[in-house]
Amino acid sequence: MNRTQLIDAVTTATGRSKADVAAIIGATLETVTAAVAAGDKVTVPGFGSFERRFRKAGTAPNPRGGDPLPVAAKHVPAFKAGAAFKQAVSGA
């Protein structure tokens, strides 16, 4: 499902206009992105949590020859699924 399909699905489920749903989804994603980028954890009970994690510097193999290449330390986004989401996906 892409963004357009998500907007269509939420429009159908809520009866709201596409413009309203697109604005709400856009604002939600921007807010979550800004909060995680700032180092905050965003938790949606039953769905999951988004957070920023630190990945240490290290090495990775060069695909062209296997020689080790340095990889810089960086922050990466992470998502941990909530119990209800895990249950829905597993079919339990």
PDB file of N, CA and C in Angstrom:
ATOM      1  N   MET A   1       0.854  -1.172   0.000  1.00  0.00           N
ATOM      2  CA  MET A   1       0.000   0.000   0.000  1.00  0.00           C
ATOM      3  C   MET A   1       0.901   1.236   0.000  1.00  0.00           C
ATOM      4  N   ASN A   2       0.643   2.127  -0.933  1.00  0.00           N
ATOM      5  CA  ASN A   2       1.400   3.379  -0.970  1.00  0.00           C
ATOM      6  C   ASN A   2       0.573   4.493  -0.315  1.00  0.00           C
ATOM      7  N   ARG A   3       1.119   5.694  -0.303  1.00  0.00           N
ATOM      8  CA  ARG A   3       0.466   6.818   0.379  1.00  0.00           C
ATOM      9  C   ARG A   3      -0.922   7.111  -0.192  1.00  0.00           C
ATOM     10  N   THR A   4      -1.053   7.098  -1.514  1.00  0.00           N
ATOM     11  CA  THR A   4      -2.341   7.370  -2.149  1.00  0.00           C
ATOM     12  C   THR A   4      -3.380   6.323  -1.759  1.00  0.00           C
ATOM     13  N   GLN A   5      -2.977   5.079  -1.750  1.00  0.00           N
ATOM     14  CA  GLN A   5      -3.884   4.002  -1.359  1.00  0.00           C
ATOM     15  C   GLN A   5      -4.273   4.116   0.109  1.00  0.00           C
ATOM     16  N   LEU A   6      -3.324   4.531   0.955  1.00  0.00           N
ATOM     17  CA  LEU A   6      -3.625   4.747   2.369  1.00  0.00           C
ATOM     18  C   LEU A   6      -4.650   5.861   2.535  1.00  0.00           C
ATOM     19  N   ILE A   7      -4.464   6.942   1.816  1.00  0.00           N
ATOM     20  CA  ILE A   7      -5.419   8.056   1.876  1.00  0.00           C
ATOM     21  C   ILE A   7      -6.795   7.596   1.421  1.00  0.00           C
ATOM     22  N   ASP A   8      -6.862   6.846   0.339  1.00  0.00           N
ATOM     23  CA  ASP A   8      -8.149   6.324  -0.148  1.00  0.00           C
ATOM     24  C   ASP A   8      -8.818   5.425   0.890  1.00  0.00           C
ATOM     25  N   ALA A   9      -8.040   4.553   1.527  1.00  0.00           N
ATOM     26  CA  ALA A   9      -8.591   3.627   2.522  1.00  0.00           C
ATOM     27  C   ALA A   9      -9.132   4.381   3.737  1.00  0.00           C
ATOM     28  N   VAL A  10      -8.389   5.379   4.203  1.00  0.00           N
ATOM     29  CA  VAL A  10      -8.837   6.149   5.364  1.00  0.00           C
ATOM     30  C   VAL A  10     -10.045   7.009   4.989  1.00  0.00           C
ATOM     31  N   THR A  11     -10.064   7.532   3.770  1.00  0.00           N
ATOM     32  CA  THR A  11     -11.213   8.300   3.296  1.00  0.00           C
ATOM     33  C   THR A  11     -12.469   7.436   3.310  1.00  0.00           C
ATOM     34  N   THR A  12     -12.359   6.216   2.818  1.00  0.00           N
ATOM     35  CA  THR A  12     -13.485   5.291   2.788  1.00  0.00           C
ATOM     36  C   THR A  12     -13.919   4.914   4.205  1.00  0.00           C
ATOM     37  N   ALA A  13     -12.965   4.674   5.083  1.00  0.00           N
ATOM     38  CA  ALA A  13     -13.280   4.247   6.447  1.00  0.00           C
ATOM     39  C   ALA A  13     -13.902   5.358   7.288  1.00  0.00           C
ATOM     40  N   THR A  14     -13.525   6.615   7.039  1.00  0.00           N
ATOM     41  CA  THR A  14     -13.992   7.711   7.886  1.00  0.00           C
ATOM     42  C   THR A  14     -15.089   8.566   7.268  1.00  0.00           C
ATOM     43  N   GLY A  15     -15.209   8.529   5.946  1.00  0.00           N
ATOM     44  CA  GLY A  15     -16.186   9.383   5.285  1.00  0.00           C
ATOM     45  C   GLY A  15     -15.724  10.827   5.146  1.00  0.00           C
ATOM     46  N   ARG A  16     -14.473  11.112   5.485  1.00  0.00           N
ATOM     47  CA  ARG A  16     -13.912  12.454   5.336  1.00  0.00           C
ATOM     48  C   ARG A  16     -13.474  12.678   3.901  1.00  0.00           C
ATOM     49  N   SER A  17     -13.209  13.931   3.557  1.00  0.00           N
ATOM     50  CA  SER A  17     -12.747  14.235   2.206  1.00  0.00           C
ATOM     51  C   SER A  17     -11.298  13.807   2.051  1.00  0.00           C
ATOM     52  N   LYS A  18     -10.906  13.562   0.806  1.00  0.00           N
ATOM     53  CA  LYS A  18      -9.518  13.169   0.526  1.00  0.00           C
ATOM     54  C   LYS A  18      -8.545  14.253   0.968  1.00  0.00           C
ATOM     55  N   ALA A  19      -8.911  15.511   0.778  1.00  0.00           N
ATOM     56  CA  ALA A  19      -8.031  16.619   1.153  1.00  0.00           C
ATOM     57  C   ALA A  19      -7.799  16.643   2.659  1.00  0.00           C
ATOM     58  N   ASP A  20      -8.873  16.431   3.439  1.00  0.00           N
ATOM     59  CA  ASP A  20      -8.737  16.406   4.896  1.00  0.00           C
ATOM     60  C   ASP A  20      -7.842  15.251   5.340  1.00  0.00           C
ATOM     61  N   VAL A  21      -8.097  14.072   4.784  1.00  0.00           N
ATOM     62  CA  VAL A  21      -7.325  12.888   5.165  1.00  0.00           C
ATOM     63  C   VAL A  21      -5.860  13.052   4.760  1.00  0.00           C
ATOM     64  N   ALA A  22      -5.604  13.566   3.571  1.00  0.00           N
ATOM     65  CA  ALA A  22      -4.229  13.772   3.113  1.00  0.00           C
ATOM     66  C   ALA A  22      -3.504  14.752   4.031  1.00  0.00           C
ATOM     67  N   ALA A  23      -4.187  15.815   4.453  1.00  0.00           N
ATOM     68  CA  ALA A  23      -3.574  16.795   5.354  1.00  0.00           C
ATOM     69  C   ALA A  23      -3.286  16.184   6.719  1.00  0.00           C
ATOM     70  N   ILE A  24      -4.201  15.387   7.233  1.00  0.00           N
ATOM     71  CA  ILE A  24      -4.025  14.764   8.546  1.00  0.00           C
ATOM     72  C   ILE A  24      -2.884  13.750   8.514  1.00  0.00           C
ATOM     73  N   ILE A  25      -2.847  12.915   7.489  1.00  0.00           N
ATOM     74  CA  ILE A  25      -1.771  11.922   7.373  1.00  0.00           C
ATOM     75  C   ILE A  25      -0.432  12.626   7.197  1.00  0.00           C
ATOM     76  N   GLY A  26      -0.392  13.639   6.360  1.00  0.00           N
ATOM     77  CA  GLY A  26       0.844  14.388   6.150  1.00  0.00           C
ATOM     78  C   GLY A  26       1.345  15.033   7.433  1.00  0.00           C
ATOM     79  N   ALA A  27       0.441  15.651   8.178  1.00  0.00           N
ATOM     80  CA  ALA A  27       0.823  16.304   9.434  1.00  0.00           C
ATOM     81  C   ALA A  27       1.277  15.272  10.464  1.00  0.00           C
ATOM     82  N   THR A  28       0.628  14.131  10.496  1.00  0.00           N
ATOM     83  CA  THR A  28       1.013  13.072  11.428  1.00  0.00           C
ATOM     84  C   THR A  28       2.419  12.571  11.130  1.00  0.00           C
ATOM     85  N   LEU A  29       2.692  12.285   9.877  1.00  0.00           N
ATOM     86  CA  LEU A  29       4.013  11.785   9.498  1.00  0.00           C
ATOM     87  C   LEU A  29       5.103  12.825   9.743  1.00  0.00           C
ATOM     88  N   GLU A  30       4.822  14.088   9.451  1.00  0.00           N
ATOM     89  CA  GLU A  30       5.794  15.155   9.698  1.00  0.00           C
ATOM     90  C   GLU A  30       6.072  15.306  11.190  1.00  0.00           C
ATOM     91  N   THR A  31       5.035  15.202  12.010  1.00  0.00           N
ATOM     92  CA  THR A  31       5.193  15.334  13.453  1.00  0.00           C
ATOM     93  C   THR A  31       6.008  14.190  14.028  1.00  0.00           C
ATOM     94  N   VAL A  32       5.722  12.961  13.602  1.00  0.00           N
ATOM     95  CA  VAL A  32       6.480  11.798  14.071  1.00  0.00           C
ATOM     96  C   VAL A  32       7.940  11.917  13.632  1.00  0.00           C
ATOM     97  N   THR A  33       8.166  12.297  12.379  1.00  0.00           N
ATOM     98  CA  THR A  33       9.529  12.444  11.860  1.00  0.00           C
ATOM     99  C   THR A  33      10.309  13.486  12.654  1.00  0.00           C
ATOM    100  N   ALA A  34       9.704  14.635  12.905  1.00  0.00           N
ATOM    101  CA  ALA A  34      10.385  15.703  13.640  1.00  0.00           C
ATOM    102  C   ALA A  34      10.692  15.280  15.074  1.00  0.00           C
ATOM    103  N   ALA A  35       9.764  14.591  15.711  1.00  0.00           N
ATOM    104  CA  ALA A  35       9.971  14.166  17.093  1.00  0.00           C
ATOM    105  C   ALA A  35      11.094  13.132  17.186  1.00  0.00           C
ATOM    106  N   VAL A  36      11.102  12.152  16.297  1.00  0.00           N
ATOM    107  CA  VAL A  36      12.146  11.127  16.323  1.00  0.00           C
ATOM    108  C   VAL A  36      13.497  11.732  15.972  1.00  0.00           C
ATOM    109  N   ALA A  37      13.529  12.645  15.012  1.00  0.00           N
ATOM    110  CA  ALA A  37      14.778  13.312  14.638  1.00  0.00           C
ATOM    111  C   ALA A  37      15.349  14.110  15.809  1.00  0.00           C
ATOM    112  N   ALA A  38      14.471  14.627  16.658  1.00  0.00           N
ATOM    113  CA  ALA A  38      14.913  15.393  17.826  1.00  0.00           C
ATOM    114  C   ALA A  38      15.328  14.494  18.988  1.00  0.00           C
ATOM    115  N   GLY A  39      15.145  13.188  18.831  1.00  0.00           N
ATOM    116  CA  GLY A  39      15.549  12.251  19.875  1.00  0.00           C
ATOM    117  C   GLY A  39      14.424  11.787  20.771  1.00  0.00           C
ATOM    118  N   ASP A  40      13.203  12.209  20.490  1.00  0.00           N
ATOM    119  CA  ASP A  40      12.053  11.782  21.289  1.00  0.00           C
ATOM    120  C   ASP A  40      11.540  10.433  20.805  1.00  0.00           C
ATOM    121  N   LYS A  41      10.902   9.703  21.700  1.00  0.00           N
ATOM    122  CA  LYS A  41      10.271   8.439  21.358  1.00  0.00           C
ATOM    123  C   LYS A  41       8.778   8.704  21.169  1.00  0.00           C
ATOM    124  N   VAL A  42       8.207   8.212  20.081  1.00  0.00           N
ATOM    125  CA  VAL A  42       6.784   8.383  19.812  1.00  0.00           C
ATOM    126  C   VAL A  42       6.121   7.022  19.959  1.00  0.00           C
ATOM    127  N   THR A  43       5.180   6.916  20.900  1.00  0.00           N
ATOM    128  CA  THR A  43       4.509   5.652  21.164  1.00  0.00           C
ATOM    129  C   THR A  43       3.030   5.772  20.848  1.00  0.00           C
ATOM    130  N   VAL A  44       2.527   4.839  20.060  1.00  0.00           N
ATOM    131  CA  VAL A  44       1.105   4.741  19.758  1.00  0.00           C
ATOM    132  C   VAL A  44       0.643   3.410  20.356  1.00  0.00           C
ATOM    133  N   PRO A  45      -0.042   3.449  21.504  1.00  0.00           N
ATOM    134  CA  PRO A  45      -0.423   2.207  22.178  1.00  0.00           C
ATOM    135  C   PRO A  45      -1.190   1.253  21.249  1.00  0.00           C
ATOM    136  N   GLY A  46      -0.796  -0.001  21.270  1.00  0.00           N
ATOM    137  CA  GLY A  46      -1.419  -1.015  20.432  1.00  0.00           C
ATOM    138  C   GLY A  46      -0.828  -1.104  19.044  1.00  0.00           C
ATOM    139  N   PHE A  47      -0.161  -0.055  18.591  1.00  0.00           N
ATOM    140  CA  PHE A  47       0.444  -0.055  17.254  1.00  0.00           C
ATOM    141  C   PHE A  47       1.946  -0.254  17.333  1.00  0.00           C
ATOM    142  N   GLY A  48       2.626   0.614  18.082  1.00  0.00           N
ATOM    143  CA  GLY A  48       4.067   0.477  18.212  1.00  0.00           C
ATOM    144  C   GLY A  48       4.723   1.782  18.595  1.00  0.00           C
ATOM    145  N   SER A  49       6.062   1.762  18.577  1.00  0.00           N
ATOM    146  CA  SER A  49       6.802   2.960  18.938  1.00  0.00           C
ATOM    147  C   SER A  49       7.919   3.227  17.940  1.00  0.00           C
ATOM    148  N   PHE A  50       8.158   4.496  17.723  1.00  0.00           N
ATOM    149  CA  PHE A  50       9.205   4.973  16.832  1.00  0.00           C
ATOM    150  C   PHE A  50      10.254   5.650  17.700  1.00  0.00           C
ATOM    151  N   GLU A  51      11.530   5.384  17.412  1.00  0.00           N
ATOM    152  CA  GLU A  51      12.588   6.031  18.168  1.00  0.00           C
ATOM    153  C   GLU A  51      13.846   6.144  17.328  1.00  0.00           C
ATOM    154  N   ARG A  52      14.791   6.934  17.843  1.00  0.00           N
ATOM    155  CA  ARG A  52      16.084   7.108  17.197  1.00  0.00           C
ATOM    156  C   ARG A  52      17.098   6.278  17.963  1.00  0.00           C
ATOM    157  N   ARG A  53      17.850   5.453  17.244  1.00  0.00           N
ATOM    158  CA  ARG A  53      18.886   4.630  17.864  1.00  0.00           C
ATOM    159  C   ARG A  53      20.241   5.003  17.286  1.00  0.00           C
ATOM    160  N   PHE A  54      21.284   4.775  18.087  1.00  0.00           N
ATOM    161  CA  PHE A  54      22.646   5.078  17.665  1.00  0.00           C
ATOM    162  C   PHE A  54      23.297   3.808  17.145  1.00  0.00           C
ATOM    163  N   ARG A  55      23.876   3.883  15.982  1.00  0.00           N
ATOM    164  CA  ARG A  55      24.612   2.760  15.405  1.00  0.00           C
ATOM    165  C   ARG A  55      26.094   3.108  15.444  1.00  0.00           C
ATOM    166  N   LYS A  56      26.883   2.255  16.102  1.00  0.00           N
ATOM    167  CA  LYS A  56      28.319   2.503  16.248  1.00  0.00           C
ATOM    168  C   LYS A  56      29.047   2.407  14.913  1.00  0.00           C
ATOM    169  N   ALA A  57      30.198   3.043  14.862  1.00  0.00           N
ATOM    170  CA  ALA A  57      31.056   2.944  13.679  1.00  0.00           C
ATOM    171  C   ALA A  57      31.591   1.525  13.577  1.00  0.00           C
ATOM    172  N   GLY A  58      31.880   1.122  12.381  1.00  0.00           N
ATOM    173  CA  GLY A  58      32.409  -0.223  12.169  1.00  0.00           C
ATOM    174  C   GLY A  58      32.935  -0.371  10.759  1.00  0.00           C
ATOM    175  N   THR A  59      32.941  -1.592  10.276  1.00  0.00           N
ATOM    176  CA  THR A  59      33.378  -1.858   8.909  1.00  0.00           C
ATOM    177  C   THR A  59      32.353  -2.731   8.217  1.00  0.00           C
ATOM    178  N   ALA A  60      32.343  -2.648   6.901  1.00  0.00           N
ATOM    179  CA  ALA A  60      31.466  -3.472   6.072  1.00  0.00           C
ATOM    180  C   ALA A  60      32.282  -3.944   4.874  1.00  0.00           C
ATOM    181  N   PRO A  61      31.975  -5.113   4.330  1.00  0.00           N
ATOM    182  CA  PRO A  61      32.745  -5.592   3.180  1.00  0.00           C
ATOM    183  C   PRO A  61      32.435  -4.782   1.919  1.00  0.00           C
ATOM    184  N   ASN A  62      33.469  -4.488   1.146  1.00  0.00           N
ATOM    185  CA  ASN A  62      33.303  -3.810  -0.130  1.00  0.00           C
ATOM    186  C   ASN A  62      32.737  -4.825  -1.127  1.00  0.00           C
ATOM    187  N   PRO A  63      31.591  -4.534  -1.764  1.00  0.00           N
ATOM    188  CA  PRO A  63      31.005  -5.491  -2.699  1.00  0.00           C
ATOM    189  C   PRO A  63      31.886  -5.776  -3.922  1.00  0.00           C
ATOM    190  N   ARG A  64      32.826  -4.893  -4.212  1.00  0.00           N
ATOM    191  CA  ARG A  64      33.671  -5.076  -5.396  1.00  0.00           C
ATOM    192  C   ARG A  64      34.914  -5.924  -5.145  1.00  0.00           C
ATOM    193  N   GLY A  65      35.201  -6.210  -3.905  1.00  0.00           N
ATOM    194  CA  GLY A  65      36.410  -6.993  -3.685  1.00  0.00           C
ATOM    195  C   GLY A  65      36.481  -7.621  -2.323  1.00  0.00           C
ATOM    196  N   GLY A  66      35.546  -7.272  -1.462  1.00  0.00           N
ATOM    197  CA  GLY A  66      35.532  -7.848  -0.140  1.00  0.00           C
ATOM    198  C   GLY A  66      36.388  -7.134   0.878  1.00  0.00           C
ATOM    199  N   ASP A  67      37.192  -6.158   0.442  1.00  0.00           N
ATOM    200  CA  ASP A  67      38.016  -5.410   1.391  1.00  0.00           C
ATOM    201  C   ASP A  67      37.115  -4.653   2.361  1.00  0.00           C
ATOM    202  N   PRO A  68      37.510  -4.555   3.618  1.00  0.00           N
ATOM    203  CA  PRO A  68      36.677  -3.827   4.580  1.00  0.00           C
ATOM    204  C   PRO A  68      36.670  -2.319   4.317  1.00  0.00           C
ATOM    205  N   LEU A  69      35.488  -1.738   4.401  1.00  0.00           N
ATOM    206  CA  LEU A  69      35.304  -0.288   4.254  1.00  0.00           C
ATOM    207  C   LEU A  69      34.837   0.277   5.591  1.00  0.00           C
ATOM    208  N   PRO A  70      35.309   1.451   5.963  1.00  0.00           N
ATOM    209  CA  PRO A  70      34.825   2.042   7.214  1.00  0.00           C
ATOM    210  C   PRO A  70      33.388   2.542   7.056  1.00  0.00           C
ATOM    211  N   VAL A  71      32.599   2.351   8.092  1.00  0.00           N
ATOM    212  CA  VAL A  71      31.227   2.840   8.135  1.00  0.00           C
ATOM    213  C   VAL A  71      31.131   3.776   9.328  1.00  0.00           C
ATOM    214  N   ALA A  72      30.695   4.998   9.095  1.00  0.00           N
ATOM    215  CA  ALA A  72      30.625   6.010  10.147  1.00  0.00           C
ATOM    216  C   ALA A  72      29.504   5.708  11.138  1.00  0.00           C
ATOM    217  N   ALA A  73      29.679   6.181  12.347  1.00  0.00           N
ATOM    218  CA  ALA A  73      28.624   6.090  13.360  1.00  0.00           C
ATOM    219  C   ALA A  73      27.495   7.027  12.952  1.00  0.00           C
ATOM    220  N   LYS A  74      26.280   6.642  13.274  1.00  0.00           N
ATOM    221  CA  LYS A  74      25.142   7.492  12.908  1.00  0.00           C
ATOM    222  C   LYS A  74      23.908   7.114  13.704  1.00  0.00           C
ATOM    223  N   HIS A  75      22.931   8.000  13.665  1.00  0.00           N
ATOM    224  CA  HIS A  75      21.635   7.717  14.256  1.00  0.00           C
ATOM    225  C   HIS A  75      20.730   7.161  13.156  1.00  0.00           C
ATOM    226  N   VAL A  76      19.899   6.168  13.520  1.00  0.00           N
ATOM    227  CA  VAL A  76      18.988   5.562  12.562  1.00  0.00           C
ATOM    228  C   VAL A  76      17.590   5.480  13.182  1.00  0.00           C
ATOM    229  N   PRO A  77      16.545   5.541  12.361  1.00  0.00           N
ATOM    230  CA  PRO A  77      15.195   5.389  12.902  1.00  0.00           C
ATOM    231  C   PRO A  77      14.916   3.914  13.185  1.00  0.00           C
ATOM    232  N   ALA A  78      14.075   3.681  14.200  1.00  0.00           N
ATOM    233  CA  ALA A  78      13.708   2.311  14.547  1.00  0.00           C
ATOM    234  C   ALA A  78      12.229   2.266  14.893  1.00  0.00           C
ATOM    235  N   PHE A  79      11.600   1.131  14.600  1.00  0.00           N
ATOM    236  CA  PHE A  79      10.189   0.921  14.925  1.00  0.00           C
ATOM    237  C   PHE A  79      10.066  -0.405  15.648  1.00  0.00           C
ATOM    238  N   LYS A  80       9.322  -0.398  16.742  1.00  0.00           N
ATOM    239  CA  LYS A  80       9.043  -1.631  17.472  1.00  0.00           C
ATOM    240  C   LYS A  80       7.535  -1.800  17.505  1.00  0.00           C
ATOM    241  N   ALA A  81       7.058  -2.904  16.935  1.00  0.00           N
ATOM    242  CA  ALA A  81       5.621  -3.157  16.850  1.00  0.00           C
ATOM    243  C   ALA A  81       5.039  -3.424  18.221  1.00  0.00           C
ATOM    244  N   GLY A  82       3.803  -2.943  18.441  1.00  0.00           N
ATOM    245  CA  GLY A  82       3.076  -3.180  19.680  1.00  0.00           C
ATOM    246  C   GLY A  82       2.403  -4.538  19.676  1.00  0.00           C
ATOM    247  N   ALA A  83       1.916  -4.964  20.819  1.00  0.00           N
ATOM    248  CA  ALA A  83       1.329  -6.296  20.962  1.00  0.00           C
ATOM    249  C   ALA A  83       0.105  -6.490  20.060  1.00  0.00           C
ATOM    250  N   ALA A  84      -0.786  -5.511  20.007  1.00  0.00           N
ATOM    251  CA  ALA A  84      -1.992  -5.654  19.192  1.00  0.00           C
ATOM    252  C   ALA A  84      -1.650  -5.736  17.711  1.00  0.00           C
ATOM    253  N   PHE A  85      -0.664  -4.955  17.282  1.00  0.00           N
ATOM    254  CA  PHE A  85      -0.227  -4.979  15.886  1.00  0.00           C
ATOM    255  C   PHE A  85       0.382  -6.342  15.547  1.00  0.00           C
ATOM    256  N   LYS A  86       1.221  -6.859  16.436  1.00  0.00           N
ATOM    257  CA  LYS A  86       1.838  -8.168  16.228  1.00  0.00           C
ATOM    258  C   LYS A  86       0.775  -9.254  16.141  1.00  0.00           C
ATOM    259  N   GLN A  87      -0.219  -9.169  17.005  1.00  0.00           N
ATOM    260  CA  GLN A  87      -1.307 -10.155  16.991  1.00  0.00           C
ATOM    261  C   GLN A  87      -2.086 -10.097  15.690  1.00  0.00           C
ATOM    262  N   ALA A  88      -2.404  -8.906  15.226  1.00  0.00           N
ATOM    263  CA  ALA A  88      -3.165  -8.753  13.989  1.00  0.00           C
ATOM    264  C   ALA A  88      -2.394  -9.311  12.790  1.00  0.00           C
ATOM    265  N   VAL A  89      -1.104  -9.088  12.759  1.00  0.00           N
ATOM    266  CA  VAL A  89      -0.287  -9.557  11.643  1.00  0.00           C
ATOM    267  C   VAL A  89      -0.132 -11.077  11.682  1.00  0.00           C
ATOM    268  N   SER A  90       0.008 -11.642  12.889  1.00  0.00           N
ATOM    269  CA  SER A  90       0.212 -13.081  12.991  1.00  0.00           C
ATOM    270  C   SER A  90      -1.076 -13.869  12.781  1.00  0.00           C
ATOM    271  N   GLY A  91      -2.216 -13.193  12.858  1.00  0.00           N
ATOM    272  CA  GLY A  91      -3.489 -13.859  12.651  1.00  0.00           C
ATOM    273  C   GLY A  91      -4.042 -14.502  13.907  1.00  0.00           C
ATOM    274  N   ALA A  92      -3.435 -14.221  15.035  1.00  0.00           N
ATOM    275  CA  ALA A  92      -3.881 -14.821  16.293  1.00  0.00           C
ATOM    276  C   ALA A  92      -5.125 -14.129  16.825  1.00  0.00           C
TER     277      ALA A  92
END
